[in-house]
Amino acid sequence: MKMNIVPSPRYLIVMLVVCVARLSAQSTKPFIIGEITEITSKVLGEKRVLNIYLPEGYKADDTTKYPVIYLLDGSA
């Protein structure tokens, strides 16, 4: 015996509303990964922008050593 089960349009609308409500209910936190600073280059005679990205939990007075990556002339 073969049964054709076709969801009603009302069911589809309810499911769509539930899915959208779940997506909008997710909490978000700001995406802050570093700081931007400027230095003046005497050689180039212009200001240069530095993007400094620090690991989560980094403290200036901490003695923990972290690997360093220098990304020149561009950003990731």
PDB file of N, CA and C in Angstrom:
ATOM      1  N   MET A   1       0.841  -1.171   0.000  1.00  0.00           N
ATOM      2  CA  MET A   1       0.000   0.000   0.000  1.00  0.00           C
ATOM      3  C   MET A   1       0.889   1.238   0.000  1.00  0.00           C
ATOM      4  N   LYS A   2       0.709   2.063  -0.964  1.00  0.00           N
ATOM      5  CA  LYS A   2       1.534   3.247  -1.141  1.00  0.00           C
ATOM      6  C   LYS A   2       0.751   4.469  -0.664  1.00  0.00           C
ATOM      7  N   MET A   3       1.402   5.271   0.206  1.00  0.00           N
ATOM      8  CA  MET A   3       0.736   6.473   0.726  1.00  0.00           C
ATOM      9  C   MET A   3       1.467   7.704   0.216  1.00  0.00           C
ATOM     10  N   ASN A   4       0.741   8.607  -0.331  1.00  0.00           N
ATOM     11  CA  ASN A   4       1.314   9.872  -0.764  1.00  0.00           C
ATOM     12  C   ASN A   4       1.091  10.899   0.339  1.00  0.00           C
ATOM     13  N   ILE A   5       2.175  11.309   0.952  1.00  0.00           N
ATOM     14  CA  ILE A   5       2.078  12.312   2.009  1.00  0.00           C
ATOM     15  C   ILE A   5       2.619  13.616   1.444  1.00  0.00           C
ATOM     16  N   VAL A   6       1.746  14.569   1.297  1.00  0.00           N
ATOM     17  CA  VAL A   6       2.115  15.880   0.779  1.00  0.00           C
ATOM     18  C   VAL A   6       1.873  16.892   1.891  1.00  0.00           C
ATOM     19  N   PRO A   7       2.930  17.594   2.327  1.00  0.00           N
ATOM     20  CA  PRO A   7       2.726  18.572   3.398  1.00  0.00           C
ATOM     21  C   PRO A   7       1.833  19.717   2.928  1.00  0.00           C
ATOM     22  N   SER A   8       0.997  20.149   3.832  1.00  0.00           N
ATOM     23  CA  SER A   8       0.091  21.248   3.490  1.00  0.00           C
ATOM     24  C   SER A   8       0.864  22.562   3.449  1.00  0.00           C
ATOM     25  N   PRO A   9       0.379  23.538   2.702  1.00  0.00           N
ATOM     26  CA  PRO A   9       1.045  24.845   2.656  1.00  0.00           C
ATOM     27  C   PRO A   9       1.134  25.495   4.038  1.00  0.00           C
ATOM     28  N   ARG A  10       0.129  25.276   4.865  1.00  0.00           N
ATOM     29  CA  ARG A  10       0.137  25.836   6.225  1.00  0.00           C
ATOM     30  C   ARG A  10       1.309  25.258   7.024  1.00  0.00           C
ATOM     31  N   TYR A  11       1.544  23.950   6.908  1.00  0.00           N
ATOM     32  CA  TYR A  11       2.655  23.296   7.591  1.00  0.00           C
ATOM     33  C   TYR A  11       3.990  23.869   7.113  1.00  0.00           C
ATOM     34  N   LEU A  12       4.138  24.054   5.834  1.00  0.00           N
ATOM     35  CA  LEU A  12       5.382  24.601   5.288  1.00  0.00           C
ATOM     36  C   LEU A  12       5.633  26.023   5.789  1.00  0.00           C
ATOM     37  N   ILE A  13       4.586  26.828   5.878  1.00  0.00           N
ATOM     38  CA  ILE A  13       4.736  28.203   6.375  1.00  0.00           C
ATOM     39  C   ILE A  13       5.143  28.195   7.840  1.00  0.00           C
ATOM     40  N   VAL A  14       4.515  27.338   8.636  1.00  0.00           N
ATOM     41  CA  VAL A  14       4.864  27.244  10.061  1.00  0.00           C
ATOM     42  C   VAL A  14       6.317  26.819  10.219  1.00  0.00           C
ATOM     43  N   MET A  15       6.760  25.839   9.460  1.00  0.00           N
ATOM     44  CA  MET A  15       8.150  25.383   9.550  1.00  0.00           C
ATOM     45  C   MET A  15       9.126  26.479   9.131  1.00  0.00           C
ATOM     46  N   LEU A  16       8.788  27.241   8.116  1.00  0.00           N
ATOM     47  CA  LEU A  16       9.636  28.346   7.681  1.00  0.00           C
ATOM     48  C   LEU A  16       9.759  29.400   8.778  1.00  0.00           C
ATOM     49  N   VAL A  17       8.654  29.736   9.416  1.00  0.00           N
ATOM     50  CA  VAL A  17       8.669  30.729  10.499  1.00  0.00           C
ATOM     51  C   VAL A  17       9.504  30.225  11.672  1.00  0.00           C
ATOM     52  N   VAL A  18       9.376  28.954  12.022  1.00  0.00           N
ATOM     53  CA  VAL A  18      10.153  28.385  13.125  1.00  0.00           C
ATOM     54  C   VAL A  18      11.643  28.430  12.804  1.00  0.00           C
ATOM     55  N   CYS A  19      12.020  28.075  11.598  1.00  0.00           N
ATOM     56  CA  CYS A  19      13.440  28.090  11.208  1.00  0.00           C
ATOM     57  C   CYS A  19      14.009  29.503  11.240  1.00  0.00           C
ATOM     58  N   VAL A  20      13.280  30.464  10.729  1.00  0.00           N
ATOM     59  CA  VAL A  20      13.743  31.852  10.733  1.00  0.00           C
ATOM     60  C   VAL A  20      13.851  32.367  12.160  1.00  0.00           C
ATOM     61  N   ALA A  21      12.898  32.017  13.014  1.00  0.00           N
ATOM     62  CA  ALA A  21      12.938  32.455  14.412  1.00  0.00           C
ATOM     63  C   ALA A  21      14.157  31.886  15.127  1.00  0.00           C
ATOM     64  N   ARG A  22      14.507  30.646  14.843  1.00  0.00           N
ATOM     65  CA  ARG A  22      15.691  30.050  15.474  1.00  0.00           C
ATOM     66  C   ARG A  22      16.975  30.734  15.020  1.00  0.00           C
ATOM     67  N   LEU A  23      17.045  31.105  13.759  1.00  0.00           N
ATOM     68  CA  LEU A  23      18.242  31.775  13.256  1.00  0.00           C
ATOM     69  C   LEU A  23      18.415  33.150  13.891  1.00  0.00           C
ATOM     70  N   SER A  24      17.333  33.878  14.040  1.00  0.00           N
ATOM     71  CA  SER A  24      17.437  35.227  14.595  1.00  0.00           C
ATOM     72  C   SER A  24      17.636  35.209  16.101  1.00  0.00           C
ATOM     73  N   ALA A  25      17.378  34.091  16.768  1.00  0.00           N
ATOM     74  CA  ALA A  25      17.506  34.016  18.217  1.00  0.00           C
ATOM     75  C   ALA A  25      18.931  33.689  18.660  1.00  0.00           C
ATOM     76  N   GLN A  26      19.816  33.388  17.731  1.00  0.00           N
ATOM     77  CA  GLN A  26      21.182  33.052  18.104  1.00  0.00           C
ATOM     78  C   GLN A  26      21.899  34.292  18.609  1.00  0.00           C
ATOM     79  N   SER A  27      22.648  34.112  19.690  1.00  0.00           N
ATOM     80  CA  SER A  27      23.372  35.251  20.247  1.00  0.00           C
ATOM     81  C   SER A  27      24.639  35.502  19.432  1.00  0.00           C
ATOM     82  N   THR A  28      25.018  36.744  19.349  1.00  0.00           N
ATOM     83  CA  THR A  28      26.229  37.115  18.624  1.00  0.00           C
ATOM     84  C   THR A  28      27.134  37.906  19.546  1.00  0.00           C
ATOM     85  N   LYS A  29      28.414  37.901  19.234  1.00  0.00           N
ATOM     86  CA  LYS A  29      29.346  38.742  19.958  1.00  0.00           C
ATOM     87  C   LYS A  29      30.198  39.479  18.941  1.00  0.00           C
ATOM     88  N   PRO A  30      30.705  40.628  19.314  1.00  0.00           N
ATOM     89  CA  PRO A  30      31.461  41.435  18.350  1.00  0.00           C
ATOM     90  C   PRO A  30      32.713  40.706  17.859  1.00  0.00           C
ATOM     91  N   PHE A  31      33.074  40.992  16.624  1.00  0.00           N
ATOM     92  CA  PHE A  31      34.246  40.384  16.001  1.00  0.00           C
ATOM     93  C   PHE A  31      35.400  41.374  16.090  1.00  0.00           C
ATOM     94  N   ILE A  32      36.100  41.346  17.211  1.00  0.00           N
ATOM     95  CA  ILE A  32      37.227  42.251  17.437  1.00  0.00           C
ATOM     96  C   ILE A  32      38.476  41.387  17.523  1.00  0.00           C
ATOM     97  N   ILE A  33      39.362  41.558  16.577  1.00  0.00           N
ATOM     98  CA  ILE A  33      40.539  40.689  16.553  1.00  0.00           C
ATOM     99  C   ILE A  33      41.847  41.454  16.700  1.00  0.00           C
ATOM    100  N   GLY A  34      41.808  42.726  16.907  1.00  0.00           N
ATOM    101  CA  GLY A  34      43.057  43.450  17.038  1.00  0.00           C
ATOM    102  C   GLY A  34      42.852  44.935  17.124  1.00  0.00           C
ATOM    103  N   GLU A  35      43.915  45.643  16.853  1.00  0.00           N
ATOM    104  CA  GLU A  35      43.852  47.102  16.892  1.00  0.00           C
ATOM    105  C   GLU A  35      44.538  47.674  15.662  1.00  0.00           C
ATOM    106  N   ILE A  36      44.160  48.883  15.317  1.00  0.00           N
ATOM    107  CA  ILE A  36      44.745  49.574  14.171  1.00  0.00           C
ATOM    108  C   ILE A  36      45.494  50.787  14.692  1.00  0.00           C
ATOM    109  N   THR A  37      46.729  50.937  14.271  1.00  0.00           N
ATOM    110  CA  THR A  37      47.534  52.081  14.687  1.00  0.00           C
ATOM    111  C   THR A  37      48.274  52.627  13.468  1.00  0.00           C
ATOM    112  N   GLU A  38      48.748  53.852  13.560  1.00  0.00           N
ATOM    113  CA  GLU A  38      49.494  54.476  12.464  1.00  0.00           C
ATOM    114  C   GLU A  38      50.887  54.857  12.931  1.00  0.00           C
ATOM    115  N   ILE A  39      51.844  54.709  12.032  1.00  0.00           N
ATOM    116  CA  ILE A  39      53.192  55.211  12.294  1.00  0.00           C
ATOM    117  C   ILE A  39      53.585  56.099  11.120  1.00  0.00           C
ATOM    118  N   THR A  40      54.443  57.055  11.396  1.00  0.00           N
ATOM    119  CA  THR A  40      54.940  57.941  10.343  1.00  0.00           C
ATOM    120  C   THR A  40      56.310  57.448   9.907  1.00  0.00           C
ATOM    121  N   SER A  41      56.454  57.193   8.616  1.00  0.00           N
ATOM    122  CA  SER A  41      57.714  56.724   8.068  1.00  0.00           C
ATOM    123  C   SER A  41      58.531  57.916   7.591  1.00  0.00           C
ATOM    124  N   LYS A  42      59.718  58.070   8.158  1.00  0.00           N
ATOM    125  CA  LYS A  42      60.610  59.144   7.715  1.00  0.00           C
ATOM    126  C   LYS A  42      61.191  58.814   6.340  1.00  0.00           C
ATOM    127  N   VAL A  43      61.427  57.542   6.068  1.00  0.00           N
ATOM    128  CA  VAL A  43      62.003  57.118   4.795  1.00  0.00           C
ATOM    129  C   VAL A  43      61.006  57.326   3.656  1.00  0.00           C
ATOM    130  N   LEU A  44      59.761  56.905   3.871  1.00  0.00           N
ATOM    131  CA  LEU A  44      58.741  57.032   2.826  1.00  0.00           C
ATOM    132  C   LEU A  44      58.069  58.399   2.830  1.00  0.00           C
ATOM    133  N   GLY A  45      58.178  59.105   3.949  1.00  0.00           N
ATOM    134  CA  GLY A  45      57.552  60.415   4.062  1.00  0.00           C
ATOM    135  C   GLY A  45      56.033  60.348   4.097  1.00  0.00           C
ATOM    136  N   GLU A  46      55.500  59.290   4.683  1.00  0.00           N
ATOM    137  CA  GLU A  46      54.047  59.145   4.770  1.00  0.00           C
ATOM    138  C   GLU A  46      53.665  58.321   5.991  1.00  0.00           C
ATOM    139  N   LYS A  47      52.389  58.355   6.283  1.00  0.00           N
ATOM    140  CA  LYS A  47      51.883  57.549   7.394  1.00  0.00           C
ATOM    141  C   LYS A  47      51.549  56.156   6.882  1.00  0.00           C
ATOM    142  N   ARG A  48      51.829  55.166   7.696  1.00  0.00           N
ATOM    143  CA  ARG A  48      51.530  53.777   7.360  1.00  0.00           C
ATOM    144  C   ARG A  48      50.600  53.210   8.424  1.00  0.00           C
ATOM    145  N   VAL A  49      49.655  52.408   7.994  1.00  0.00           N
ATOM    146  CA  VAL A  49      48.691  51.796   8.910  1.00  0.00           C
ATOM    147  C   VAL A  49      49.189  50.407   9.301  1.00  0.00           C
ATOM    148  N   LEU A  50      49.147  50.115  10.594  1.00  0.00           N
ATOM    149  CA  LEU A  50      49.510  48.798  11.103  1.00  0.00           C
ATOM    150  C   LEU A  50      48.272  48.147  11.698  1.00  0.00           C
ATOM    151  N   ASN A  51      47.986  46.941  11.287  1.00  0.00           N
ATOM    152  CA  ASN A  51      46.931  46.136  11.906  1.00  0.00           C
ATOM    153  C   ASN A  51      47.617  45.131  12.816  1.00  0.00           C
ATOM    154  N   ILE A  52      47.326  45.200  14.095  1.00  0.00           N
ATOM    155  CA  ILE A  52      47.958  44.322  15.072  1.00  0.00           C
ATOM    156  C   ILE A  52      46.889  43.387  15.620  1.00  0.00           C
ATOM    157  N   TYR A  53      47.078  42.097  15.398  1.00  0.00           N
ATOM    158  CA  TYR A  53      46.139  41.084  15.862  1.00  0.00           C
ATOM    159  C   TYR A  53      46.781  40.319  17.012  1.00  0.00           C
ATOM    160  N   LEU A  54      46.109  40.265  18.131  1.00  0.00           N
ATOM    161  CA  LEU A  54      46.635  39.605  19.319  1.00  0.00           C
ATOM    162  C   LEU A  54      45.798  38.373  19.648  1.00  0.00           C
ATOM    163  N   PRO A  55      46.418  37.336  20.231  1.00  0.00           N
ATOM    164  CA  PRO A  55      45.655  36.138  20.583  1.00  0.00           C
ATOM    165  C   PRO A  55      44.670  36.424  21.718  1.00  0.00           C
ATOM    166  N   GLU A  56      43.600  35.639  21.752  1.00  0.00           N
ATOM    167  CA  GLU A  56      42.605  35.794  22.805  1.00  0.00           C
ATOM    168  C   GLU A  56      43.261  35.549  24.162  1.00  0.00           C
ATOM    169  N   GLY A  57      42.997  36.406  25.112  1.00  0.00           N
ATOM    170  CA  GLY A  57      43.564  36.277  26.446  1.00  0.00           C
ATOM    171  C   GLY A  57      44.944  36.893  26.592  1.00  0.00           C
ATOM    172  N   TYR A  58      45.454  37.562  25.556  1.00  0.00           N
ATOM    173  CA  TYR A  58      46.779  38.171  25.607  1.00  0.00           C
ATOM    174  C   TYR A  58      46.805  39.317  26.606  1.00  0.00           C
ATOM    175  N   LYS A  59      47.866  39.364  27.409  1.00  0.00           N
ATOM    176  CA  LYS A  59      48.082  40.472  28.342  1.00  0.00           C
ATOM    177  C   LYS A  59      49.518  40.946  28.170  1.00  0.00           C
ATOM    178  N   ALA A  60      49.711  42.251  28.150  1.00  0.00           N
ATOM    179  CA  ALA A  60      51.040  42.822  27.903  1.00  0.00           C
ATOM    180  C   ALA A  60      52.045  42.414  28.976  1.00  0.00           C
ATOM    181  N   ASP A  61      51.599  42.227  30.212  1.00  0.00           N
ATOM    182  CA  ASP A  61      52.533  41.899  31.295  1.00  0.00           C
ATOM    183  C   ASP A  61      52.735  40.389  31.468  1.00  0.00           C
ATOM    184  N   ASP A  62      52.158  39.586  30.582  1.00  0.00           N
ATOM    185  CA  ASP A  62      52.280  38.133  30.647  1.00  0.00           C
ATOM    186  C   ASP A  62      53.616  37.700  30.043  1.00  0.00           C
ATOM    187  N   THR A  63      54.187  36.618  30.548  1.00  0.00           N
ATOM    188  CA  THR A  63      55.471  36.126  30.032  1.00  0.00           C
ATOM    189  C   THR A  63      55.295  34.999  29.006  1.00  0.00           C
ATOM    190  N   THR A  64      54.062  34.688  28.653  1.00  0.00           N
ATOM    191  CA  THR A  64      53.800  33.645  27.656  1.00  0.00           C
ATOM    192  C   THR A  64      54.333  34.078  26.297  1.00  0.00           C
ATOM    193  N   LYS A  65      55.009  33.156  25.608  1.00  0.00           N
ATOM    194  CA  LYS A  65      55.542  33.456  24.280  1.00  0.00           C
ATOM    195  C   LYS A  65      54.560  32.956  23.230  1.00  0.00           C
ATOM    196  N   TYR A  66      54.329  33.795  22.215  1.00  0.00           N
ATOM    197  CA  TYR A  66      53.415  33.465  21.134  1.00  0.00           C
ATOM    198  C   TYR A  66      54.166  33.513  19.810  1.00  0.00           C
ATOM    199  N   PRO A  67      53.769  32.687  18.830  1.00  0.00           N
ATOM    200  CA  PRO A  67      54.376  32.794  17.502  1.00  0.00           C
ATOM    201  C   PRO A  67      53.955  34.103  16.839  1.00  0.00           C
ATOM    202  N   VAL A  68      54.807  34.615  15.965  1.00  0.00           N
ATOM    203  CA  VAL A  68      54.539  35.887  15.293  1.00  0.00           C
ATOM    204  C   VAL A  68      54.495  35.659  13.787  1.00  0.00           C
ATOM    205  N   ILE A  69      53.528  36.291  13.139  1.00  0.00           N
ATOM    206  CA  ILE A  69      53.441  36.269  11.678  1.00  0.00           C
ATOM    207  C   ILE A  69      53.448  37.711  11.204  1.00  0.00           C
ATOM    208  N   TYR A  70      54.354  38.041  10.302  1.00  0.00           N
ATOM    209  CA  TYR A  70      54.414  39.376   9.706  1.00  0.00           C
ATOM    210  C   TYR A  70      53.825  39.279   8.305  1.00  0.00           C
ATOM    211  N   LEU A  71      52.743  39.981   8.080  1.00  0.00           N
ATOM    212  CA  LEU A  71      52.099  39.978   6.776  1.00  0.00           C
ATOM    213  C   LEU A  71      52.386  41.321   6.133  1.00  0.00           C
ATOM    214  N   LEU A  72      53.190  41.323   5.083  1.00  0.00           N
ATOM    215  CA  LEU A  72      53.647  42.560   4.474  1.00  0.00           C
ATOM    216  C   LEU A  72      52.816  42.940   3.258  1.00  0.00           C
ATOM    217  N   ASP A  73      52.527  44.230   3.140  1.00  0.00           N
ATOM    218  CA  ASP A  73      51.910  44.791   1.945  1.00  0.00           C
ATOM    219  C   ASP A  73      50.565  44.172   1.593  1.00  0.00           C
ATOM    220  N   GLY A  74      49.741  43.990   2.543  1.00  0.00           N
ATOM    221  CA  GLY A  74      48.411  43.455   2.279  1.00  0.00           C
ATOM    222  C   GLY A  74      47.804  42.913   3.545  1.00  0.00           C
ATOM    223  N   SER A  75      46.640  42.378   3.406  1.00  0.00           N
ATOM    224  CA  SER A  75      46.002  41.756   4.558  1.00  0.00           C
ATOM    225  C   SER A  75      45.380  40.447   4.123  1.00  0.00           C
ATOM    226  N   ALA A  76      45.099  39.629   5.083  1.00  0.00           N
ATOM    227  CA  ALA A  76      44.577  38.289   4.793  1.00  0.00           C
ATOM    228  C   ALA A  76      43.147  38.333   4.339  1.00  0.00           C
TER     229      ALA A  76
END
